[in-house]
Amino acid sequence: MSDSEAKDFLDSLAEAEAETFEDMEKEISDQDAEIDALRAERDEFKDRFMRALADAENARKRADKDRREAENYGGSRLSRDILPVYDNMKRAVLVAQEDENAASAALMEGIELTMRELLNVFRKHGIDVIAPEVGDRFDPKIHEAMFEAPLPGTKAGDIIQVSGEGFMLHDRLLRPAQVGVSSNPG
């Protein structure tokens, strides 16, 4: 082989090697781009998965809260509707206590037993009676002021008369206690 043939051979070999190197660089570059695309897709799927997981957890918590509220407060309409029955029975007890004949003694005992049973049912279902007394402080969260009047010997904001009891269903107000409030300036 002559020098010129050897030189041509080496040039063609170098050229082929350069082309191969360029092809390999291009292939590596394409693979890097594909790996970057796969990583981006993986990160997107991971983000979507984490969001879906968080949404599922939030939905579970919301459903649990809704279930607890339905369990505790689902009967609030019935509870409000039954409060006048309590009020009427309480009035009957007061009237029967004023009348002292023998016939009303049996009636009185029956009404008192019924009242006790009604209060037991209230307690069983989370209904508590708000029974303020004269001299207590007025609390607008649980009391409804029916009137204000100056009364000697009291301070402004003191309860001076109780017109009706209030009721709470767990931690929610069903009906405020109806009271009269002192308006004394000092």
Protein backbone atom coordinates (compact mmCIF):
# COMPACT_ATOMS: atom_id res chain seq x y z
CA MET A 1 0.00 0.00 0.00
CA SER A 2 1.37 3.31 -0.98
CA ASP A 3 1.70 6.37 1.17
CA SER A 4 -1.12 8.07 -0.60
CA GLU A 5 -3.38 5.04 -0.21
CA ALA A 6 -2.45 4.79 3.43
CA LYS A 7 -3.16 8.45 3.88
CA ASP A 8 -6.54 8.10 2.11
CA PHE A 9 -7.31 5.05 4.24
CA LEU A 10 -6.45 6.89 7.44
CA ASP A 11 -8.48 9.93 6.32
CA SER A 12 -11.49 7.75 5.53
CA LEU A 13 -11.02 5.95 8.83
CA ALA A 14 -10.87 9.27 10.70
CA GLU A 15 -13.90 10.50 8.78
CA ALA A 16 -15.84 7.32 9.60
CA GLU A 17 -14.72 7.59 13.21
CA ALA A 18 -15.88 11.24 13.35
CA GLU A 19 -19.23 10.30 11.80
CA THR A 20 -19.60 7.47 14.29
CA PHE A 21 -18.68 9.82 17.12
CA GLU A 22 -21.21 12.41 15.87
CA ASP A 23 -23.84 9.68 15.54
CA MET A 24 -23.08 8.50 19.09
CA GLU A 25 -23.22 12.07 20.43
CA LYS A 26 -26.56 12.58 18.64
CA GLU A 27 -27.86 9.27 20.00
CA ILE A 28 -26.70 10.17 23.54
CA SER A 29 -28.26 13.61 23.15
CA ASP A 30 -31.52 11.99 21.98
CA GLN A 31 -31.39 9.55 24.91
CA ASP A 32 -30.75 12.43 27.36
CA ALA A 33 -33.74 14.29 25.90
CA GLU A 34 -35.86 11.15 26.21
CA ILE A 35 -34.70 10.62 29.82
CA ASP A 36 -35.50 14.27 30.62
CA ALA A 37 -38.95 13.87 29.04
CA LEU A 38 -39.54 10.67 31.05
CA ARG A 39 -38.42 12.41 34.26
CA ALA A 40 -40.77 15.33 33.58
CA GLU A 41 -43.62 12.90 32.88
CA ARG A 42 -42.77 10.97 36.07
CA ASP A 43 -42.76 14.19 38.10
CA GLU A 44 -46.10 15.21 36.59
CA PHE A 45 -47.64 11.81 37.43
CA LYS A 46 -46.19 11.98 40.94
CA ASP A 47 -47.67 15.46 41.43
CA ARG A 48 -51.06 14.32 40.10
CA PHE A 49 -50.95 11.25 42.35
CA MET A 50 -50.14 13.36 45.43
CA ARG A 51 -52.96 15.77 44.61
CA ALA A 52 -55.41 12.90 44.10
CA LEU A 53 -54.28 11.38 47.39
CA ALA A 54 -54.78 14.72 49.18
CA ASP A 55 -58.22 15.14 47.54
CA ALA A 56 -59.23 11.65 48.65
CA GLU A 57 -58.08 12.38 52.22
CA ASN A 58 -59.97 15.68 52.25
CA ALA A 59 -63.10 13.97 50.92
CA ARG A 60 -62.80 11.30 53.64
CA LYS A 61 -62.44 13.97 56.36
CA ARG A 62 -65.36 15.97 54.93
CA ALA A 63 -67.56 12.86 54.78
CA ASP A 64 -66.59 11.96 58.35
CA LYS A 65 -67.43 15.49 59.53
CA ASP A 66 -70.76 15.43 57.64
CA ARG A 67 -71.59 12.05 59.17
CA ARG A 68 -70.84 13.32 62.70
CA GLU A 69 -72.91 16.45 62.13
CA ALA A 70 -75.82 14.43 60.75
CA GLU A 71 -75.57 12.10 63.73
CA ASN A 72 -75.46 14.94 66.27
CA TYR A 73 -77.72 17.52 64.64
CA GLY A 74 -79.93 15.55 62.26
CA GLY A 75 -82.82 15.62 64.70
CA SER A 76 -82.70 19.36 65.37
CA ARG A 77 -86.00 20.01 63.53
CA LEU A 78 -87.74 17.31 65.56
CA SER A 79 -86.11 18.67 68.71
CA ARG A 80 -87.39 22.20 68.01
CA ASP A 81 -90.87 20.84 67.29
CA ILE A 82 -91.02 18.92 70.58
CA LEU A 83 -89.97 21.88 72.78
CA PRO A 84 -93.54 23.30 72.97
CA VAL A 85 -94.67 19.92 74.37
CA TYR A 86 -92.14 20.40 77.17
CA ASP A 87 -93.35 23.97 77.75
CA ASN A 88 -97.01 22.88 77.96
CA MET A 89 -96.21 20.03 80.34
CA LYS A 90 -94.25 22.40 82.56
CA ARG A 91 -97.22 24.78 82.67
CA ALA A 92 -99.51 21.86 83.56
CA VAL A 93 -97.20 20.95 86.45
CA LEU A 94 -97.30 24.54 87.74
CA VAL A 95 -101.10 24.71 87.49
CA ALA A 96 -101.53 21.31 89.14
CA GLN A 97 -99.26 22.38 92.01
CA GLU A 98 -101.54 25.34 92.68
CA ASP A 99 -104.66 23.16 92.79
CA GLU A 100 -104.41 20.95 95.88
CA ASN A 101 -107.38 18.58 95.54
CA ALA A 102 -106.94 14.79 95.56
CA ALA A 103 -107.85 14.28 91.90
CA SER A 104 -105.08 16.60 90.77
CA ALA A 105 -102.51 14.76 92.97
CA ALA A 106 -102.68 11.69 90.70
CA LEU A 107 -102.67 13.88 87.61
CA MET A 108 -99.72 15.81 89.01
CA GLU A 109 -97.77 12.61 89.64
CA GLY A 110 -98.45 11.37 86.10
CA ILE A 111 -97.37 14.66 84.56
CA GLU A 112 -94.21 14.80 86.68
CA LEU A 113 -93.28 11.22 85.65
CA THR A 114 -93.88 12.12 82.00
CA MET A 115 -91.74 15.26 82.40
CA ARG A 116 -88.89 13.23 83.92
CA GLU A 117 -89.07 10.74 81.05
CA LEU A 118 -89.09 13.57 78.50
CA LEU A 119 -86.00 15.10 80.14
CA ASN A 120 -84.28 11.69 80.08
CA VAL A 121 -85.00 11.40 76.35
CA PHE A 122 -83.63 14.95 75.89
CA ARG A 123 -80.42 14.05 77.71
CA LYS A 124 -80.07 10.80 75.75
CA HIS A 125 -80.16 12.78 72.50
CA GLY A 126 -77.88 15.61 73.64
CA ILE A 127 -80.53 18.20 74.43
CA ASP A 128 -79.72 20.25 77.52
CA VAL A 129 -82.06 22.68 79.25
CA ILE A 130 -80.82 26.25 79.72
CA ALA A 131 -82.46 27.29 82.97
CA PRO A 132 -81.19 30.74 84.00
CA GLU A 133 -82.07 32.11 87.40
CA VAL A 134 -82.86 35.59 88.61
CA GLY A 135 -79.57 37.32 89.36
CA ASP A 136 -77.53 35.52 86.69
CA ARG A 137 -75.71 37.61 84.08
CA PHE A 138 -77.35 38.02 80.68
CA ASP A 139 -75.49 36.12 77.94
CA PRO A 140 -76.69 36.99 74.43
CA LYS A 141 -75.34 33.67 73.15
CA ILE A 142 -77.90 31.65 75.13
CA HIS A 143 -80.47 34.22 76.34
CA GLU A 144 -83.04 36.32 74.51
CA ALA A 145 -83.93 39.60 76.23
CA MET A 146 -87.72 39.94 76.15
CA PHE A 147 -87.65 43.30 77.94
CA GLU A 148 -85.37 45.64 79.88
CA ALA A 149 -86.45 47.38 83.05
CA PRO A 150 -84.70 49.28 85.84
CA LEU A 151 -84.95 47.30 89.08
CA PRO A 152 -83.50 48.65 92.32
CA GLY A 153 -80.72 46.51 93.80
CA THR A 154 -79.57 45.08 90.47
CA LYS A 155 -76.83 45.89 87.99
CA ALA A 156 -77.31 46.44 84.28
CA GLY A 157 -77.22 43.08 82.51
CA ASP A 158 -78.59 41.05 85.45
CA ILE A 159 -81.49 38.72 84.75
CA ILE A 160 -84.55 39.95 86.67
CA GLN A 161 -87.18 37.54 85.30
CA VAL A 162 -87.18 34.21 83.47
CA SER A 163 -90.02 33.88 80.95
CA GLY A 164 -88.98 30.61 79.33
CA GLU A 165 -86.20 28.05 79.38
CA GLY A 166 -83.80 27.60 76.50
CA PHE A 167 -82.33 24.46 74.97
CA MET A 168 -78.98 23.39 73.50
CA LEU A 169 -78.49 20.45 71.12
CA HIS A 170 -74.91 19.40 71.90
CA ASP A 171 -73.08 22.68 71.28
CA ARG A 172 -75.76 24.37 69.13
CA LEU A 173 -78.52 26.60 70.43
CA LEU A 174 -81.99 25.23 69.68
CA ARG A 175 -83.86 27.98 71.47
CA PRO A 176 -82.55 30.79 73.69
CA ALA A 177 -83.87 31.20 77.22
CA GLN A 178 -86.31 34.11 77.36
CA VAL A 179 -85.46 36.57 80.12
CA GLY A 180 -86.05 40.06 81.39
CA VAL A 181 -82.90 42.10 81.94
CA SER A 182 -82.09 44.93 84.32
CA SER A 183 -81.25 48.25 82.73
CA ASN A 184 -80.00 50.03 85.87
CA PRO A 185 -77.22 52.42 84.92
CA GLY A 186 -74.98 51.55 87.85
